[in-house]
Every structure is written in C-alpha cells, then in structure tokens.
Amino acid sequence: MIHAAVKLSKSVISLSRTSLVAATSSQPLRFLHDGTNSPSSNPVAVQMINYALSHARSQKSDESYAQGMLILEQCLSTQSSESEGQFAQNSIGTVLLAMSNLLYERRSFEEAIEKLHRVQGLTRSSLGVRVAATEALVGLYLQLGQDDTSSVLADKCLDFLHKDDLRSNGGSKESLIVRAKAVKGLVELVTGNLESAESFFHGVQDIEAWNGTAVLSYGEFLHATQQFSLAKELYQNIIEGVPKNEDFSDMNTLAICNMASDEVFLAATFAFGQLESHMGNFRAAEEILTKALTKTEEYFGSSHPKVGVVLTCIALMYRNKARQERSSSLLIQEGLYRRAIEFLKAPPLESKETKLDRGDILALARGGYAEVLCVQQNRKTEGEKMKTWAEAVWSNRRMSLTDVLDISEPSSKVPVIDVRISRVL
C-alpha cells in the first residue's frame, strides 16, 4: 500500500509539472476577462483545471481521478490568499468548482458540497462564480432529497444578487438573475408547487446569454403542465445548442456537477424521449431514450445509478405502449426493471428505511415491477410485497405512485423525470 501511494505521488508530481509546463508554454500568458475592465481569473489555473479534468476522465479509474484531484490541489496551493481581490478569489473559486466536479463524478457528495460552500464564502469573487456554486449546491441537495435546504439556498442566491452591485458584472446582470430564478423554479417544481414555479421562469427565453440548465428547467415545467409543443421546442434547442464541454474561463457561464453542460444535454435528450412517449409517439420515444441510455452509459459508466434512472423510464415507456396498443411486453419490462433496481442499489424489501437516495425513482422501478409480478398468479405475493414497499418510499408531493403508473388515463397528470437530480417532477 505504501509503495502504491509513493508511486501515485510521484506520478502526480510528474503530471502536475507537465500540466504546468503545458499551461504556461502552449500560448502566451494573457488575462481572461468577463466583460469588465478587470481580469476575471488566472489563465494558468484555467488550463491546469482543464488538464486535470481531462486526465481524470481519460480512464475514469480511481487512480486517474485521484491524480486529477492532486493536480487541482497543487493548483489551489499556488493561488493567492482568499482574502485578496476579485482576480485571486475568482481563481480560487474556479479551482474549487473543478474539485467539486470531480468529487461529484466519484459520488463523494459530502466533499463536493464542502468545496461548494467554500466558494460561497468568496464574497469578492465574480457573481457568476457564486451563482454556479449555488446552482450546483441546489442540484446536489435536491438529488439527496434535502428540498428545504435547496429552497433556502435558492432564496439566498436571489437575495445576494439583488443586493450586490451588479453593474460590476458587465452585461451579465440579467442572465445571472434569470439563472438564479430558474433554480428556484426547479425547487418549486420538485416540491409540486407549479403555480409558484411558473413565476420564476419568466424571462428564461429572453436573455441574451442563453443558459441550458435554466431553459431545461423551464422546458420541464411546460412538459409537466402538458404544454407539449413548447416543451418539445425547448428540448430540441438545448440538444442542438448546449455546449458539450465546460468553460472555466468564462465566469458568467460556469456550470458544474449535475448542472454541467454534459448533464444538461443528457437530461434534455432524456426528457425529449419522455415527451414523445407522453404524446403516444412510441417509436420516436424508443429511439430517443435508447440514445439517452447509450450516452448515459458512455458518460457515467454502464452500471451507474443514473443508468438505472433511464432504464426505469424505458420500462415505463414500454408499459404505456403495451396499454395503449393492447399488447404485452412483460418480459421486456421485467428485464429492464430488474437491471434498474440493481443499478439503483435498492435495499432489501425488509428494510424499513424510507429516506433513500433516488427514493422516488426506486419506488417507481419497484412499483412498476410489482405490477408485472402481480399479473402472474404464482408471483403475486412477491408483487404485493414489492408494491407495499414502493408506496412507503414514494414521497412525491404532486402525484401519487398510482398517478404515475396510470399515466395512460386521459385525465392523468404528467410525471417528468429529471435525470440531473434523479427526481420525479
């Protein structure tokens, strides 16, 4: 073990030196600006961030991620004191955001959250840096089921944006406020307050600095309220227009963790597939959801819990298709539900714990699977037990588990699964 640690340390030192040389020699040193007359962050730090992220993801192994983190830690140690001005705090903030991104990808949520709270404390940093940190915090807390904490953070973000001197942030004032309001709108969507959510999405499409995660949340609102044509247009715009890579050089477009551009692209594709299913276009839905599954496996790995989220939705699509077409797909559904439950790391049915990570998705997967079992006489007892478990875990405030599973009824509400936060809206 000691030998391995020494080997890793030497490897990282070598990588760090390589990245530093690359960052300083690949192009002349220049300051990066955010639309004002002052530089926004250290360009060497930005290039080291890009190198660390690229290296960590090149193999997606524990070792490559550990090396990427150590490169970022070295980068952080070379930055100026947190008590200094905006330029220094922006550089520190971007490194901390990158570190939280890698920690999130390794599912070290508590450590990622700690780094994001540190960014919030950089009160002299650009507003875009702090909005990105708050946006990510809200997303992570929603994923963890801590909705009250998410709501408080979203309110605080709006508060400091209204109080801060936005004139120092160039032309990004409106885009940052719209982003902050959209995050609050997402919280309201999760908690089932559709009327309140609508008020926070005003202006999302009107801002010059188009933001994918804000537009996606608005699209999901339109989807949930059955404004299908408008939602479809927004989903398609995101799929065609969202940047495919992070840009840590622009303080006003920073987005990380489950709000990063890659996650937004996947979530928009996934939501688009759900929309086609809700409209009865099952062939298109199958094609789009299969693409979403492939991209999710490529990005997160073939057994990641988010793969389980996508598989659950595909199983539900086949269920609705069979009902509307009066056909049967029980074997397909069972296979999908079994894989989804495995990847979602469901606890035993005997477990009394109801506060679970991705609890609503787990309840949906087991609730759907229970239906498949209950129509088989020799497995009905197992199905009833699974149904009881699913109903106990289900916590969505807008719809009951029965509402979601009976979506094919004309008067039913429409559930939208947001794969960014693994929640049912």
Protein backbone atom coordinates (compact mmCIF):
# COMPACT_ATOMS: atom_id res chain seq x y z
CA MET A 1 0.00 0.00 0.00
CA ILE A 2 2.85 2.41 0.91
CA HIS A 3 4.58 1.55 -2.36
CA ALA A 4 1.38 2.29 -4.28
CA ALA A 5 0.95 5.62 -2.51
CA VAL A 6 4.55 6.65 -3.26
CA LYS A 7 4.10 5.61 -6.89
CA LEU A 8 0.87 7.65 -7.13
CA SER A 9 2.53 10.68 -5.51
CA LYS A 10 5.46 10.58 -7.94
CA SER A 11 3.10 10.12 -10.85
CA VAL A 12 1.03 13.13 -9.81
CA ILE A 13 4.06 15.33 -9.29
CA SER A 14 5.17 14.45 -12.82
CA LEU A 15 1.68 15.10 -14.18
CA SER A 16 1.43 18.41 -12.33
CA ARG A 17 4.75 19.58 -13.74
CA THR A 18 3.65 18.52 -17.20
CA SER A 19 0.36 20.37 -16.86
CA LEU A 20 2.06 23.49 -15.53
CA VAL A 21 4.55 23.48 -18.41
CA ALA A 22 1.73 22.92 -20.89
CA ALA A 23 -0.32 25.70 -19.36
CA THR A 24 2.48 28.23 -19.46
CA SER A 25 4.05 27.33 -22.80
CA SER A 26 1.15 26.41 -25.08
CA GLN A 27 0.23 30.05 -25.56
CA PRO A 28 1.36 33.49 -24.38
CA LEU A 29 0.21 34.45 -20.89
CA ARG A 30 -2.94 36.53 -21.11
CA PHE A 31 -5.69 37.52 -18.73
CA LEU A 32 -9.24 36.23 -19.18
CA HIS A 33 -11.99 38.82 -18.94
CA ASP A 34 -15.68 38.61 -18.06
CA GLY A 35 -16.81 41.67 -19.96
CA THR A 36 -15.42 44.23 -17.49
CA ASN A 37 -12.11 46.10 -17.42
CA SER A 38 -10.56 43.77 -14.84
CA PRO A 39 -9.21 40.26 -15.43
CA SER A 40 -11.52 37.52 -14.19
CA SER A 41 -9.22 34.59 -13.41
CA ASN A 42 -5.73 33.19 -13.76
CA PRO A 43 -5.32 31.65 -17.25
CA VAL A 44 -2.69 29.20 -15.99
CA ALA A 45 -5.13 27.96 -13.35
CA VAL A 46 -7.82 27.53 -16.02
CA GLN A 47 -5.50 25.46 -18.20
CA MET A 48 -4.42 23.31 -15.25
CA ILE A 49 -8.10 22.75 -14.43
CA ASN A 50 -8.79 21.62 -17.99
CA TYR A 51 -5.78 19.30 -17.89
CA ALA A 52 -6.77 17.80 -14.52
CA LEU A 53 -10.36 17.17 -15.63
CA SER A 54 -9.24 15.65 -18.92
CA HIS A 55 -6.73 13.36 -17.21
CA ALA A 56 -9.19 12.23 -14.53
CA ARG A 57 -11.80 11.32 -17.14
CA SER A 58 -9.37 9.72 -19.58
CA GLN A 59 -9.53 6.38 -17.74
CA LYS A 60 -12.39 7.03 -15.28
CA SER A 61 -10.47 5.00 -12.71
CA ASP A 62 -9.88 5.62 -9.01
CA GLU A 63 -6.22 6.32 -9.80
CA SER A 64 -6.87 8.79 -12.62
CA TYR A 65 -9.41 10.70 -10.51
CA ALA A 66 -7.01 10.75 -7.55
CA GLN A 67 -4.30 12.16 -9.82
CA GLY A 68 -6.68 14.77 -11.19
CA MET A 69 -7.63 15.85 -7.67
CA LEU A 70 -3.99 16.14 -6.61
CA ILE A 71 -3.23 18.31 -9.63
CA LEU A 72 -6.09 20.60 -8.62
CA GLU A 73 -4.89 20.65 -5.01
CA GLN A 74 -1.44 21.72 -6.21
CA CYS A 75 -3.07 24.34 -8.44
CA LEU A 76 -5.08 25.63 -5.47
CA SER A 77 -1.95 25.89 -3.32
CA THR A 78 -0.35 28.22 -5.88
CA GLN A 79 -3.23 30.71 -5.84
CA SER A 80 -3.19 33.90 -3.79
CA SER A 81 -4.90 34.31 -0.42
CA GLU A 82 -8.68 34.09 -0.27
CA SER A 83 -8.72 37.48 1.46
CA GLU A 84 -7.40 39.27 -1.63
CA GLY A 85 -9.34 40.83 -4.52
CA GLN A 86 -11.67 39.55 -7.21
CA PHE A 87 -8.97 38.17 -9.51
CA ALA A 88 -7.49 35.99 -6.75
CA GLN A 89 -10.86 34.86 -5.46
CA ASN A 90 -12.06 34.01 -8.96
CA SER A 91 -9.00 31.81 -9.49
CA ILE A 92 -9.53 30.06 -6.15
CA GLY A 93 -13.25 29.73 -6.85
CA THR A 94 -12.79 28.12 -10.26
CA VAL A 95 -10.33 25.57 -8.85
CA LEU A 96 -12.75 24.71 -6.03
CA LEU A 97 -15.58 24.35 -8.54
CA ALA A 98 -13.46 21.97 -10.61
CA MET A 99 -12.61 19.95 -7.50
CA SER A 100 -16.28 19.70 -6.58
CA ASN A 101 -16.98 18.50 -10.12
CA LEU A 102 -14.56 15.58 -9.82
CA LEU A 103 -15.82 14.72 -6.34
CA TYR A 104 -19.38 14.70 -7.66
CA GLU A 105 -18.41 12.39 -10.52
CA ARG A 106 -16.92 9.98 -7.96
CA ARG A 107 -20.14 10.26 -5.92
CA SER A 108 -18.33 11.90 -2.99
CA PHE A 109 -21.24 14.28 -2.47
CA GLU A 110 -20.38 15.50 1.02
CA GLU A 111 -16.88 16.54 -0.05
CA ALA A 112 -18.24 18.18 -3.20
CA ILE A 113 -20.75 20.13 -1.11
CA GLU A 114 -17.99 21.26 1.28
CA LYS A 115 -15.99 22.73 -1.63
CA LEU A 116 -19.07 24.49 -2.99
CA HIS A 117 -19.82 26.09 0.38
CA ARG A 118 -16.23 27.35 0.39
CA VAL A 119 -16.88 29.06 -2.94
CA GLN A 120 -19.95 30.75 -1.49
CA GLY A 121 -17.68 32.28 1.13
CA LEU A 122 -15.57 34.03 -1.53
CA THR A 123 -17.58 37.24 -1.29
CA ARG A 124 -15.25 39.22 -3.55
CA SER A 125 -15.41 36.72 -6.39
CA SER A 126 -17.46 37.36 -9.52
CA LEU A 127 -21.19 36.81 -9.14
CA GLY A 128 -21.03 34.13 -11.83
CA VAL A 129 -18.69 32.04 -9.68
CA ARG A 130 -21.03 32.20 -6.70
CA VAL A 131 -24.16 31.58 -8.79
CA ALA A 132 -22.52 28.47 -10.29
CA ALA A 133 -21.70 27.20 -6.78
CA THR A 134 -25.23 27.85 -5.51
CA GLU A 135 -26.81 26.29 -8.60
CA ALA A 136 -24.72 23.13 -8.06
CA LEU A 137 -25.49 23.05 -4.34
CA VAL A 138 -29.21 23.28 -5.01
CA GLY A 139 -28.92 20.48 -7.57
CA LEU A 140 -27.00 18.21 -5.20
CA TYR A 141 -29.31 18.82 -2.26
CA LEU A 142 -32.34 18.12 -4.49
CA GLN A 143 -30.73 14.87 -5.60
CA LEU A 144 -30.17 13.97 -1.94
CA GLY A 145 -33.81 14.76 -1.11
CA GLN A 146 -32.98 17.79 1.06
CA ASP A 147 -35.57 20.07 -0.52
CA ASP A 148 -35.83 22.58 2.33
CA THR A 149 -32.08 23.22 2.23
CA SER A 150 -32.27 23.66 -1.55
CA SER A 151 -35.06 26.21 -1.18
CA VAL A 152 -33.16 28.23 1.42
CA LEU A 153 -30.03 28.30 -0.77
CA ALA A 154 -32.02 29.37 -3.85
CA ASP A 155 -33.61 32.21 -1.85
CA LYS A 156 -30.21 33.35 -0.57
CA CYS A 157 -28.84 33.40 -4.09
CA LEU A 158 -31.64 35.66 -5.29
CA ASP A 159 -31.13 37.85 -2.25
CA PHE A 160 -27.41 38.45 -2.75
CA LEU A 161 -27.92 39.05 -6.48
CA HIS A 162 -30.45 41.78 -5.77
CA LYS A 163 -28.24 43.35 -3.11
CA ASP A 164 -24.88 43.13 -4.88
CA ASP A 165 -23.59 45.79 -7.22
CA LEU A 166 -24.47 44.08 -10.47
CA ARG A 167 -23.01 46.92 -12.51
CA SER A 168 -19.57 45.48 -11.81
CA ASN A 169 -20.60 42.30 -13.57
CA GLY A 170 -20.86 43.80 -17.04
CA GLY A 171 -23.78 42.79 -19.21
CA SER A 172 -24.41 39.55 -17.35
CA LYS A 173 -26.82 41.01 -14.78
CA GLU A 174 -30.00 39.73 -16.34
CA SER A 175 -28.63 36.29 -17.23
CA LEU A 176 -27.44 35.64 -13.66
CA ILE A 177 -30.76 36.70 -12.14
CA VAL A 178 -32.67 34.52 -14.61
CA ARG A 179 -30.41 31.56 -13.76
CA ALA A 180 -30.97 32.07 -10.05
CA LYS A 181 -34.74 32.36 -10.53
CA ALA A 182 -34.79 29.22 -12.69
CA VAL A 183 -33.02 27.28 -9.93
CA LYS A 184 -35.69 28.43 -7.50
CA GLY A 185 -38.31 27.41 -10.08
CA LEU A 186 -36.79 23.93 -10.21
CA VAL A 187 -37.08 23.66 -6.42
CA GLU A 188 -40.76 24.62 -6.67
CA LEU A 189 -41.26 22.04 -9.41
CA VAL A 190 -39.75 19.31 -7.25
CA THR A 191 -41.99 20.23 -4.33
CA GLY A 192 -45.10 20.23 -6.54
CA ASN A 193 -45.80 23.98 -6.48
CA LEU A 194 -46.45 24.51 -10.19
CA GLU A 195 -48.07 27.95 -9.86
CA SER A 196 -45.16 29.25 -7.82
CA ALA A 197 -42.67 27.62 -10.22
CA GLU A 198 -44.18 29.43 -13.21
CA SER A 199 -43.47 32.84 -11.69
CA PHE A 200 -39.75 32.07 -11.52
CA PHE A 201 -39.41 31.12 -15.19
CA HIS A 202 -40.42 34.49 -16.65
CA GLY A 203 -37.70 35.78 -18.96
CA VAL A 204 -35.81 32.50 -19.38
CA GLN A 205 -36.08 32.58 -23.18
CA ASP A 206 -35.48 36.31 -23.45
CA ILE A 207 -31.97 36.56 -22.03
CA GLU A 208 -29.16 37.16 -24.50
CA ALA A 209 -26.76 34.85 -22.63
CA TRP A 210 -28.73 31.62 -23.20
CA ASN A 211 -28.32 29.14 -20.35
CA GLY A 212 -29.02 25.43 -20.88
CA THR A 213 -29.88 24.40 -17.34
CA ALA A 214 -32.34 27.28 -16.86
CA VAL A 215 -34.04 26.55 -20.20
CA LEU A 216 -34.21 22.83 -19.37
CA SER A 217 -35.96 23.50 -16.06
CA TYR A 218 -38.44 25.74 -17.87
CA GLY A 219 -38.97 23.06 -20.51
CA GLU A 220 -39.72 20.53 -17.77
CA PHE A 221 -42.29 22.94 -16.31
CA LEU A 222 -44.00 23.21 -19.70
CA HIS A 223 -43.84 19.43 -20.04
CA ALA A 224 -45.36 18.85 -16.59
CA THR A 225 -48.19 21.28 -17.38
CA GLN A 226 -48.83 19.48 -20.71
CA GLN A 227 -47.67 22.33 -22.94
CA PHE A 228 -46.04 19.71 -25.11
CA SER A 229 -45.28 21.71 -28.28
CA LEU A 230 -43.41 24.44 -26.39
CA ALA A 231 -41.55 21.91 -24.26
CA LYS A 232 -40.50 19.96 -27.35
CA GLU A 233 -39.12 23.11 -28.97
CA LEU A 234 -37.03 23.93 -25.91
CA TYR A 235 -35.69 20.38 -25.55
CA GLN A 236 -34.64 20.36 -29.20
CA ASN A 237 -32.98 23.78 -28.83
CA ILE A 238 -30.95 22.52 -25.87
CA ILE A 239 -29.88 19.32 -27.65
CA GLU A 240 -28.74 21.32 -30.67
CA GLY A 241 -27.25 24.31 -28.86
CA VAL A 242 -25.85 23.40 -25.45
CA PRO A 243 -22.01 23.46 -25.24
CA LYS A 244 -20.58 19.97 -24.90
CA ASN A 245 -17.63 20.99 -22.68
CA GLU A 246 -17.14 23.04 -19.53
CA ASP A 247 -15.67 26.51 -19.95
CA PHE A 248 -13.87 27.54 -16.79
CA SER A 249 -12.58 30.73 -18.42
CA ASP A 250 -15.98 32.48 -18.55
CA MET A 251 -17.15 33.44 -15.08
CA ASN A 252 -20.72 34.04 -16.24
CA THR A 253 -21.38 30.65 -17.86
CA LEU A 254 -19.78 28.34 -15.29
CA ALA A 255 -21.94 25.29 -14.59
CA ILE A 256 -20.84 22.19 -12.70
CA CYS A 257 -21.87 18.92 -11.05
CA ASN A 258 -25.39 17.87 -12.04
CA MET A 259 -25.94 21.27 -13.67
CA ALA A 260 -22.95 20.96 -16.05
CA SER A 261 -23.46 21.15 -19.80
CA ASP A 262 -22.96 17.40 -20.37
CA GLU A 263 -25.61 16.63 -17.77
CA VAL A 264 -27.98 19.18 -19.28
CA PHE A 265 -27.53 17.64 -22.75
CA LEU A 266 -28.25 14.14 -21.41
CA ALA A 267 -31.23 15.35 -19.37
CA ALA A 268 -32.72 17.22 -22.34
CA THR A 269 -32.39 14.13 -24.55
CA PHE A 270 -33.96 12.02 -21.81
CA ALA A 271 -36.82 14.48 -21.26
CA PHE A 272 -37.43 14.66 -25.02
CA GLY A 273 -37.81 10.87 -25.10
CA GLN A 274 -40.30 11.00 -22.24
CA LEU A 275 -42.25 13.72 -24.03
CA GLU A 276 -42.58 11.62 -27.18
CA SER A 277 -43.85 8.74 -25.05
CA HIS A 278 -46.40 11.00 -23.35
CA MET A 279 -47.60 12.12 -26.79
CA GLY A 280 -48.01 8.49 -27.86
CA ASN A 281 -45.11 8.56 -30.34
CA PHE A 282 -43.59 5.35 -29.03
CA ARG A 283 -41.28 4.61 -31.96
CA ALA A 284 -39.64 8.03 -31.61
CA ALA A 285 -39.59 7.69 -27.83
CA GLU A 286 -37.83 4.33 -28.03
CA GLU A 287 -35.20 5.70 -30.39
CA ILE A 288 -34.52 8.82 -28.32
CA LEU A 289 -34.47 7.02 -24.97
CA THR A 290 -32.10 4.39 -26.38
CA LYS A 291 -29.75 7.22 -27.42
CA ALA A 292 -30.06 8.70 -23.93
CA LEU A 293 -29.20 5.31 -22.41
CA THR A 294 -26.13 4.92 -24.62
CA LYS A 295 -24.87 8.43 -23.80
CA THR A 296 -25.50 7.92 -20.09
CA GLU A 297 -23.52 4.66 -20.11
CA GLU A 298 -20.68 6.33 -22.03
CA TYR A 299 -20.52 9.32 -19.70
CA PHE A 300 -21.12 7.72 -16.29
CA GLY A 301 -20.32 4.05 -16.82
CA SER A 302 -22.56 1.08 -17.62
CA SER A 303 -23.63 0.37 -14.02
CA HIS A 304 -24.04 3.92 -12.68
CA PRO A 305 -27.28 4.70 -10.77
CA LYS A 306 -28.26 7.21 -13.48
CA VAL A 307 -28.33 4.30 -15.94
CA GLY A 308 -30.93 2.81 -13.59
CA VAL A 309 -32.96 6.02 -13.84
CA VAL A 310 -33.00 5.82 -17.65
CA LEU A 311 -33.84 2.09 -17.62
CA THR A 312 -36.80 2.78 -15.32
CA CYS A 313 -38.17 5.33 -17.76
CA ILE A 314 -37.71 2.99 -20.73
CA ALA A 315 -39.60 0.26 -18.85
CA LEU A 316 -42.44 2.71 -18.17
CA MET A 317 -42.48 3.66 -21.85
CA TYR A 318 -42.93 0.00 -22.83
CA ARG A 319 -45.65 -0.34 -20.19
CA ASN A 320 -47.60 2.63 -21.56
CA LYS A 321 -47.09 1.44 -25.14
CA ALA A 322 -48.47 -2.01 -24.27
CA ARG A 323 -51.51 -0.49 -22.58
CA GLN A 324 -52.36 1.83 -25.44
CA GLU A 325 -51.74 -0.79 -28.12
CA ARG A 326 -53.35 -3.58 -26.05
CA SER A 327 -50.22 -5.68 -26.39
CA SER A 328 -47.84 -7.29 -23.90
CA SER A 329 -44.22 -6.55 -23.06
CA LEU A 330 -43.98 -8.15 -19.61
CA LEU A 331 -40.68 -9.91 -20.26
CA ILE A 332 -39.06 -6.72 -21.59
CA GLN A 333 -40.39 -4.68 -18.68
CA GLU A 334 -39.23 -7.22 -16.10
CA GLY A 335 -35.71 -7.31 -17.53
CA LEU A 336 -35.48 -3.51 -17.53
CA TYR A 337 -36.89 -3.14 -14.01
CA ARG A 338 -34.53 -5.80 -12.62
CA ARG A 339 -31.47 -4.07 -14.10
CA ALA A 340 -32.70 -0.65 -12.96
CA ILE A 341 -33.24 -1.84 -9.39
CA GLU A 342 -29.77 -3.38 -9.37
CA PHE A 343 -28.06 -0.21 -10.64
CA LEU A 344 -30.08 1.99 -8.28
CA LYS A 345 -28.73 -0.14 -5.43
CA ALA A 346 -32.13 -0.82 -3.89
CA PRO A 347 -32.13 -2.02 -0.27
CA PRO A 348 -33.84 -5.32 0.68
CA LEU A 349 -37.63 -5.28 0.77
CA GLU A 350 -37.38 -5.96 4.51
CA SER A 351 -35.67 -2.59 5.04
CA LYS A 352 -37.72 -0.05 6.98
CA GLU A 353 -35.66 2.91 5.72
CA THR A 354 -37.79 5.26 3.59
CA LYS A 355 -35.40 8.22 3.17
CA LEU A 356 -33.34 6.90 0.27
CA ASP A 357 -31.11 8.46 -2.37
CA ARG A 358 -33.20 8.50 -5.58
CA GLY A 359 -36.09 7.20 -3.48
CA ASP A 360 -38.86 8.19 -5.91
CA ILE A 361 -37.08 6.50 -8.82
CA LEU A 362 -36.55 3.37 -6.74
CA ALA A 363 -40.22 3.40 -5.75
CA LEU A 364 -41.20 3.86 -9.39
CA ALA A 365 -39.00 0.97 -10.53
CA ARG A 366 -40.25 -1.37 -7.82
CA GLY A 367 -43.84 -0.18 -8.24
CA GLY A 368 -43.72 -0.92 -11.95
CA TYR A 369 -42.03 -4.25 -11.35
CA ALA A 370 -44.69 -5.11 -8.76
CA GLU A 371 -47.38 -4.69 -11.42
CA VAL A 372 -45.54 -7.11 -13.70
CA LEU A 373 -45.36 -9.67 -10.89
CA CYS A 374 -48.96 -9.24 -9.71
CA VAL A 375 -50.42 -10.31 -13.05
CA GLN A 376 -48.61 -13.64 -12.65
CA GLN A 377 -50.53 -15.78 -10.16
CA ASN A 378 -47.50 -17.67 -8.88
CA ARG A 379 -45.62 -14.40 -8.17
CA LYS A 380 -48.47 -12.25 -6.88
CA THR A 381 -47.36 -12.46 -3.22
CA GLU A 382 -43.90 -11.16 -4.14
CA GLY A 383 -45.51 -8.41 -6.19
CA GLU A 384 -47.78 -7.27 -3.37
CA LYS A 385 -44.81 -7.10 -1.01
CA MET A 386 -42.88 -5.00 -3.52
CA LYS A 387 -45.87 -2.71 -4.08
CA THR A 388 -46.20 -2.08 -0.32
CA TRP A 389 -42.51 -1.18 -0.13
CA ALA A 390 -42.76 1.19 -3.12
CA GLU A 391 -45.77 3.04 -1.72
CA ALA A 392 -44.00 3.53 1.63
CA VAL A 393 -40.88 5.00 -0.04
CA TRP A 394 -42.72 7.21 -2.57
CA SER A 395 -42.56 10.86 -1.44
CA ASN A 396 -43.55 12.98 -4.45
CA ARG A 397 -45.93 15.74 -3.35
CA ARG A 398 -47.70 16.41 -6.67
CA MET A 399 -48.55 12.88 -7.75
CA SER A 400 -49.17 9.56 -6.08
CA LEU A 401 -47.37 6.45 -7.26
CA THR A 402 -50.69 5.26 -8.70
CA ASP A 403 -51.00 8.54 -10.67
CA VAL A 404 -47.62 7.96 -12.30
CA LEU A 405 -48.27 4.33 -13.14
CA ASP A 406 -51.71 5.16 -14.57
CA ILE A 407 -50.42 7.94 -16.85
CA SER A 408 -52.19 6.38 -19.84
CA GLU A 409 -55.51 7.57 -18.43
CA PRO A 410 -56.72 10.73 -20.29
CA SER A 411 -57.18 12.81 -17.16
CA SER A 412 -53.92 11.84 -15.53
CA LYS A 413 -51.16 14.25 -14.56
CA VAL A 414 -47.89 14.00 -16.44
CA PRO A 415 -44.76 12.99 -14.50
CA VAL A 416 -41.39 14.21 -15.75
CA ILE A 417 -38.22 12.51 -14.53
CA ASP A 418 -35.30 14.94 -14.27
CA VAL A 419 -32.21 12.76 -14.67
CA ARG A 420 -29.94 15.59 -13.46
CA ILE A 421 -31.30 15.29 -9.94
CA SER A 422 -32.93 11.86 -10.26
CA ARG A 423 -36.33 13.17 -9.15
CA VAL A 424 -39.88 12.91 -10.43
CA LEU A 425 -41.41 16.34 -11.11
